[in-house]
Amino acid sequence: MKTYIGKRKLFKGRIGETIGGGFIIFRRGKRTGRVSVGSTLPFEHGTFEEAFEEATRLSALFPEETFCVFQQQISVKQENEQ
């Protein structure tokens, strides 16, 4: 579901996604062990249980891959001084 305002495209999320939910699944590289998300926005889950269920589903589809659930711990934003 995408919303367009003029020439600017706003991303509202995908079906079942909870933007700001704080739980994201990443795949670890086989060779390097580094975390990878590819070139797309990661899908955000609203609960640990949802994310764990999806990581389990993905590991069944890709048995040789390792999937990790990460939780947002803190968010920091600086306000512009005017």
C-alpha atoms as a PDB file:
ATOM      1  CA  MET A   1       0.000   0.000   0.000  1.00  0.00           C
ATOM      2  CA  LYS A   2       1.681   3.172  -1.220  1.00  0.00           C
ATOM      3  CA  THR A   3       0.393   6.704  -1.048  1.00  0.00           C
ATOM      4  CA  TYR A   4       1.373   9.411  -3.510  1.00  0.00           C
ATOM      5  CA  ILE A   5       1.337  13.124  -2.696  1.00  0.00           C
ATOM      6  CA  GLY A   6       2.311  15.146  -5.750  1.00  0.00           C
ATOM      7  CA  LYS A   7       5.593  13.797  -7.072  1.00  0.00           C
ATOM      8  CA  ARG A   8       6.628  12.530  -3.649  1.00  0.00           C
ATOM      9  CA  LYS A   9       5.954   8.911  -2.757  1.00  0.00           C
ATOM     10  CA  LEU A  10       5.252   8.095   0.898  1.00  0.00           C
ATOM     11  CA  PHE A  11       5.701   4.550   2.121  1.00  0.00           C
ATOM     12  CA  LYS A  12       2.900   3.467   4.476  1.00  0.00           C
ATOM     13  CA  GLY A  13       3.958  -0.120   5.040  1.00  0.00           C
ATOM     14  CA  ARG A  14       3.045  -3.568   3.840  1.00  0.00           C
ATOM     15  CA  ILE A  15       0.184  -5.858   4.818  1.00  0.00           C
ATOM     16  CA  GLY A  16       0.841  -7.224   8.304  1.00  0.00           C
ATOM     17  CA  GLU A  17       3.686  -4.811   8.978  1.00  0.00           C
ATOM     18  CA  THR A  18       3.833  -2.679  12.124  1.00  0.00           C
ATOM     19  CA  ILE A  19       5.944   0.388  11.417  1.00  0.00           C
ATOM     20  CA  GLY A  20       7.641   1.260  14.684  1.00  0.00           C
ATOM     21  CA  GLY A  21       7.009  -2.256  16.012  1.00  0.00           C
ATOM     22  CA  GLY A  22      10.687  -2.653  16.737  1.00  0.00           C
ATOM     23  CA  PHE A  23      11.306  -6.302  15.739  1.00  0.00           C
ATOM     24  CA  ILE A  24      13.218  -6.922  12.497  1.00  0.00           C
ATOM     25  CA  ILE A  25      14.611 -10.124  10.986  1.00  0.00           C
ATOM     26  CA  PHE A  26      18.032 -10.163   9.388  1.00  0.00           C
ATOM     27  CA  ARG A  27      19.905 -12.906   7.589  1.00  0.00           C
ATOM     28  CA  ARG A  28      23.493 -13.651   8.523  1.00  0.00           C
ATOM     29  CA  GLY A  29      25.904 -14.323   5.682  1.00  0.00           C
ATOM     30  CA  LYS A  30      27.159 -17.901   5.414  1.00  0.00           C
ATOM     31  CA  ARG A  31      30.725 -16.911   4.703  1.00  0.00           C
ATOM     32  CA  THR A  32      31.199 -13.709   6.699  1.00  0.00           C
ATOM     33  CA  GLY A  33      28.558 -14.051   9.436  1.00  0.00           C
ATOM     34  CA  ARG A  34      27.642 -10.421   8.852  1.00  0.00           C
ATOM     35  CA  VAL A  35      24.061  -9.162   9.035  1.00  0.00           C
ATOM     36  CA  SER A  36      22.396  -8.411   5.697  1.00  0.00           C
ATOM     37  CA  VAL A  37      19.087  -6.848   4.691  1.00  0.00           C
ATOM     38  CA  GLY A  38      19.717  -6.572   0.989  1.00  0.00           C
ATOM     39  CA  SER A  39      18.651  -3.383  -0.724  1.00  0.00           C
ATOM     40  CA  THR A  40      15.056  -3.174   0.540  1.00  0.00           C
ATOM     41  CA  LEU A  41      13.470  -1.734   3.650  1.00  0.00           C
ATOM     42  CA  PRO A  42      13.288  -4.408   6.351  1.00  0.00           C
ATOM     43  CA  PHE A  43       9.839  -5.684   7.361  1.00  0.00           C
ATOM     44  CA  GLU A  44       8.990  -4.600  10.908  1.00  0.00           C
ATOM     45  CA  HIS A  45       7.058  -6.891  13.240  1.00  0.00           C
ATOM     46  CA  GLY A  46       4.959  -5.664  16.160  1.00  0.00           C
ATOM     47  CA  THR A  47       5.876  -8.419  18.637  1.00  0.00           C
ATOM     48  CA  PHE A  48       8.735 -10.803  19.315  1.00  0.00           C
ATOM     49  CA  GLU A  49       6.377 -13.726  18.738  1.00  0.00           C
ATOM     50  CA  GLU A  50       5.472 -12.504  15.222  1.00  0.00           C
ATOM     51  CA  ALA A  51       9.136 -11.997  14.355  1.00  0.00           C
ATOM     52  CA  PHE A  52      10.147 -15.388  15.785  1.00  0.00           C
ATOM     53  CA  GLU A  53       7.391 -17.103  13.802  1.00  0.00           C
ATOM     54  CA  GLU A  54       8.591 -15.421  10.593  1.00  0.00           C
ATOM     55  CA  ALA A  55      12.249 -16.272  11.284  1.00  0.00           C
ATOM     56  CA  THR A  56      11.196 -19.898  11.819  1.00  0.00           C
ATOM     57  CA  ARG A  57       9.233 -19.872   8.546  1.00  0.00           C
ATOM     58  CA  LEU A  58      12.184 -18.415   6.649  1.00  0.00           C
ATOM     59  CA  SER A  59      14.623 -20.936   8.118  1.00  0.00           C
ATOM     60  CA  ALA A  60      12.365 -23.762   6.911  1.00  0.00           C
ATOM     61  CA  LEU A  61      12.361 -22.260   3.398  1.00  0.00           C
ATOM     62  CA  PHE A  62      16.138 -21.672   3.417  1.00  0.00           C
ATOM     63  CA  PRO A  63      17.601 -24.429   5.664  1.00  0.00           C
ATOM     64  CA  GLU A  64      21.245 -23.404   5.255  1.00  0.00           C
ATOM     65  CA  GLU A  65      20.631 -19.767   6.222  1.00  0.00           C
ATOM     66  CA  THR A  66      20.686 -18.223   9.694  1.00  0.00           C
ATOM     67  CA  PHE A  67      17.954 -15.695  10.530  1.00  0.00           C
ATOM     68  CA  CYS A  68      18.192 -13.361  13.541  1.00  0.00           C
ATOM     69  CA  VAL A  69      15.495 -11.311  15.275  1.00  0.00           C
ATOM     70  CA  PHE A  70      16.649  -7.876  16.384  1.00  0.00           C
ATOM     71  CA  GLN A  71      14.723  -5.561  18.701  1.00  0.00           C
ATOM     72  CA  GLN A  72      14.981  -1.793  18.692  1.00  0.00           C
ATOM     73  CA  GLN A  73      16.320  -0.698  22.064  1.00  0.00           C
ATOM     74  CA  ILE A  74      16.445   3.063  21.767  1.00  0.00           C
ATOM     75  CA  SER A  75      15.622   5.791  19.281  1.00  0.00           C
ATOM     76  CA  VAL A  76      17.366   9.169  19.303  1.00  0.00           C
ATOM     77  CA  LYS A  77      16.375  12.222  17.269  1.00  0.00           C
ATOM     78  CA  GLN A  78      17.846  15.715  17.367  1.00  0.00           C
ATOM     79  CA  GLU A  79      15.438  18.593  16.823  1.00  0.00           C
ATOM     80  CA  ASN A  80      16.532  21.459  14.568  1.00  0.00           C
ATOM     81  CA  GLU A  81      17.115  24.683  16.459  1.00  0.00           C
ATOM     82  CA  GLN A  82      15.431  27.628  14.772  1.00  0.00           C
END
